Amino acid sequence: MKNNTLAGCLITLIIGTFIVLIFIGLTFWTDRTLDFWCSYFSGHTINVPLWLSALTSIISNGVMLILNIISEIVRLCM
């Protein structure tokens, strides 16, 4: 019984770590995208705060992933 509990905790820890790492990566990618588009439309350099990018990633998780991919493609074409 103790072996199964240890395996369950290990699996939970691995999955939780994976989710946190994915969230951190998405947050930095969202920050880069928001910095680019805000700077592009305003005409001067704008640095969007990281907490705002994290909040945007939390609220619009799946949508932001799609927008980040589309944004990368558009930036490559510019």
C-alpha atoms as a PDB file:
ATOM      1  CA  MET A   1       0.000   0.000   0.000  1.00  0.00           C
ATOM      2  CA  LYS A   2       2.821   2.397   0.825  1.00  0.00           C
ATOM      3  CA  ASN A   3       4.408   1.811  -2.579  1.00  0.00           C
ATOM      4  CA  ASN A   4       1.195   2.786  -4.406  1.00  0.00           C
ATOM      5  CA  THR A   5       0.879   5.972  -2.346  1.00  0.00           C
ATOM      6  CA  LEU A   6       4.448   6.947  -3.146  1.00  0.00           C
ATOM      7  CA  ALA A   7       3.906   6.318  -6.859  1.00  0.00           C
ATOM      8  CA  GLY A   8       0.698   8.363  -6.803  1.00  0.00           C
ATOM      9  CA  CYS A   9       2.447  11.288  -5.108  1.00  0.00           C
ATOM     10  CA  LEU A  10       5.315  11.107  -7.585  1.00  0.00           C
ATOM     11  CA  ILE A  11       2.981  11.097 -10.572  1.00  0.00           C
ATOM     12  CA  THR A  12       1.025  14.043  -9.132  1.00  0.00           C
ATOM     13  CA  LEU A  13       4.258  15.949  -8.541  1.00  0.00           C
ATOM     14  CA  ILE A  14       5.491  15.294 -12.080  1.00  0.00           C
ATOM     15  CA  ILE A  15       2.184  16.370 -13.644  1.00  0.00           C
ATOM     16  CA  GLY A  16       2.003  19.487 -11.440  1.00  0.00           C
ATOM     17  CA  THR A  17       5.571  20.462 -12.359  1.00  0.00           C
ATOM     18  CA  PHE A  18       4.810  19.942 -16.043  1.00  0.00           C
ATOM     19  CA  ILE A  19       1.712  22.189 -15.818  1.00  0.00           C
ATOM     20  CA  VAL A  20       3.657  24.934 -14.011  1.00  0.00           C
ATOM     21  CA  LEU A  21       6.466  24.830 -16.601  1.00  0.00           C
ATOM     22  CA  ILE A  22       3.963  25.017 -19.473  1.00  0.00           C
ATOM     23  CA  PHE A  23       2.259  27.992 -17.775  1.00  0.00           C
ATOM     24  CA  ILE A  24       5.590  29.807 -17.308  1.00  0.00           C
ATOM     25  CA  GLY A  25       6.499  29.252 -20.955  1.00  0.00           C
ATOM     26  CA  LEU A  26       3.091  30.447 -22.144  1.00  0.00           C
ATOM     27  CA  THR A  27       3.352  33.527 -19.920  1.00  0.00           C
ATOM     28  CA  PHE A  28       6.719  34.557 -21.372  1.00  0.00           C
ATOM     29  CA  TRP A  29       5.478  33.886 -24.899  1.00  0.00           C
ATOM     30  CA  THR A  30       2.360  35.983 -24.228  1.00  0.00           C
ATOM     31  CA  ASP A  31       4.550  38.749 -22.784  1.00  0.00           C
ATOM     32  CA  ARG A  32       6.649  38.795 -25.953  1.00  0.00           C
ATOM     33  CA  THR A  33       3.520  38.907 -28.122  1.00  0.00           C
ATOM     34  CA  LEU A  34       1.876  41.699 -26.127  1.00  0.00           C
ATOM     35  CA  ASP A  35       5.119  43.722 -26.091  1.00  0.00           C
ATOM     36  CA  PHE A  36       5.413  43.414 -29.857  1.00  0.00           C
ATOM     37  CA  TRP A  37       1.829  44.326 -30.732  1.00  0.00           C
ATOM     38  CA  CYS A  38       1.560  47.198 -28.244  1.00  0.00           C
ATOM     39  CA  SER A  39       4.842  48.614 -29.552  1.00  0.00           C
ATOM     40  CA  TYR A  40       3.777  48.075 -33.154  1.00  0.00           C
ATOM     41  CA  PHE A  41       0.474  49.912 -32.804  1.00  0.00           C
ATOM     42  CA  SER A  42       1.786  52.749 -30.609  1.00  0.00           C
ATOM     43  CA  GLY A  43       4.907  53.450 -32.654  1.00  0.00           C
ATOM     44  CA  HIS A  44       7.295  53.347 -29.688  1.00  0.00           C
ATOM     45  CA  THR A  45       8.641  50.649 -27.387  1.00  0.00           C
ATOM     46  CA  ILE A  46       6.225  49.469 -24.726  1.00  0.00           C
ATOM     47  CA  ASN A  47       7.009  46.881 -22.066  1.00  0.00           C
ATOM     48  CA  VAL A  48       3.886  45.114 -20.826  1.00  0.00           C
ATOM     49  CA  PRO A  49       4.313  43.987 -17.199  1.00  0.00           C
ATOM     50  CA  LEU A  50       4.847  40.263 -16.710  1.00  0.00           C
ATOM     51  CA  TRP A  51       1.985  40.052 -14.205  1.00  0.00           C
ATOM     52  CA  LEU A  52      -0.394  41.365 -16.867  1.00  0.00           C
ATOM     53  CA  SER A  53       0.847  38.748 -19.312  1.00  0.00           C
ATOM     54  CA  ALA A  54       0.371  36.031 -16.672  1.00  0.00           C
ATOM     55  CA  LEU A  55      -3.156  37.260 -15.992  1.00  0.00           C
ATOM     56  CA  THR A  56      -3.914  37.270 -19.714  1.00  0.00           C
ATOM     57  CA  SER A  57      -2.556  33.725 -20.010  1.00  0.00           C
ATOM     58  CA  ILE A  58      -4.715  32.521 -17.114  1.00  0.00           C
ATOM     59  CA  ILE A  59      -7.926  34.156 -18.322  1.00  0.00           C
ATOM     60  CA  SER A  60      -7.611  33.261 -22.005  1.00  0.00           C
ATOM     61  CA  ASN A  61      -5.547  30.096 -21.862  1.00  0.00           C
ATOM     62  CA  GLY A  62      -6.495  28.260 -25.065  1.00  0.00           C
ATOM     63  CA  VAL A  63      -7.318  31.406 -27.002  1.00  0.00           C
ATOM     64  CA  MET A  64      -3.966  32.972 -26.103  1.00  0.00           C
ATOM     65  CA  LEU A  65      -2.101  29.897 -27.333  1.00  0.00           C
ATOM     66  CA  ILE A  66      -3.796  30.200 -30.725  1.00  0.00           C
ATOM     67  CA  LEU A  67      -3.195  33.973 -30.826  1.00  0.00           C
ATOM     68  CA  ASN A  68       0.484  33.461 -29.973  1.00  0.00           C
ATOM     69  CA  ILE A  69       0.874  31.004 -32.856  1.00  0.00           C
ATOM     70  CA  ILE A  70      -0.912  33.327 -35.289  1.00  0.00           C
ATOM     71  CA  SER A  71       1.158  36.260 -34.028  1.00  0.00           C
ATOM     72  CA  GLU A  72       4.418  34.394 -34.633  1.00  0.00           C
ATOM     73  CA  ILE A  73       3.371  33.594 -38.203  1.00  0.00           C
ATOM     74  CA  VAL A  74       2.368  37.235 -38.843  1.00  0.00           C
ATOM     75  CA  ARG A  75       5.653  38.524 -37.413  1.00  0.00           C
ATOM     76  CA  LEU A  76       7.627  36.186 -39.641  1.00  0.00           C
ATOM     77  CA  CYS A  77       5.741  37.534 -42.678  1.00  0.00           C
ATOM     78  CA  MET A  78       6.309  41.205 -41.759  1.00  0.00           C
END
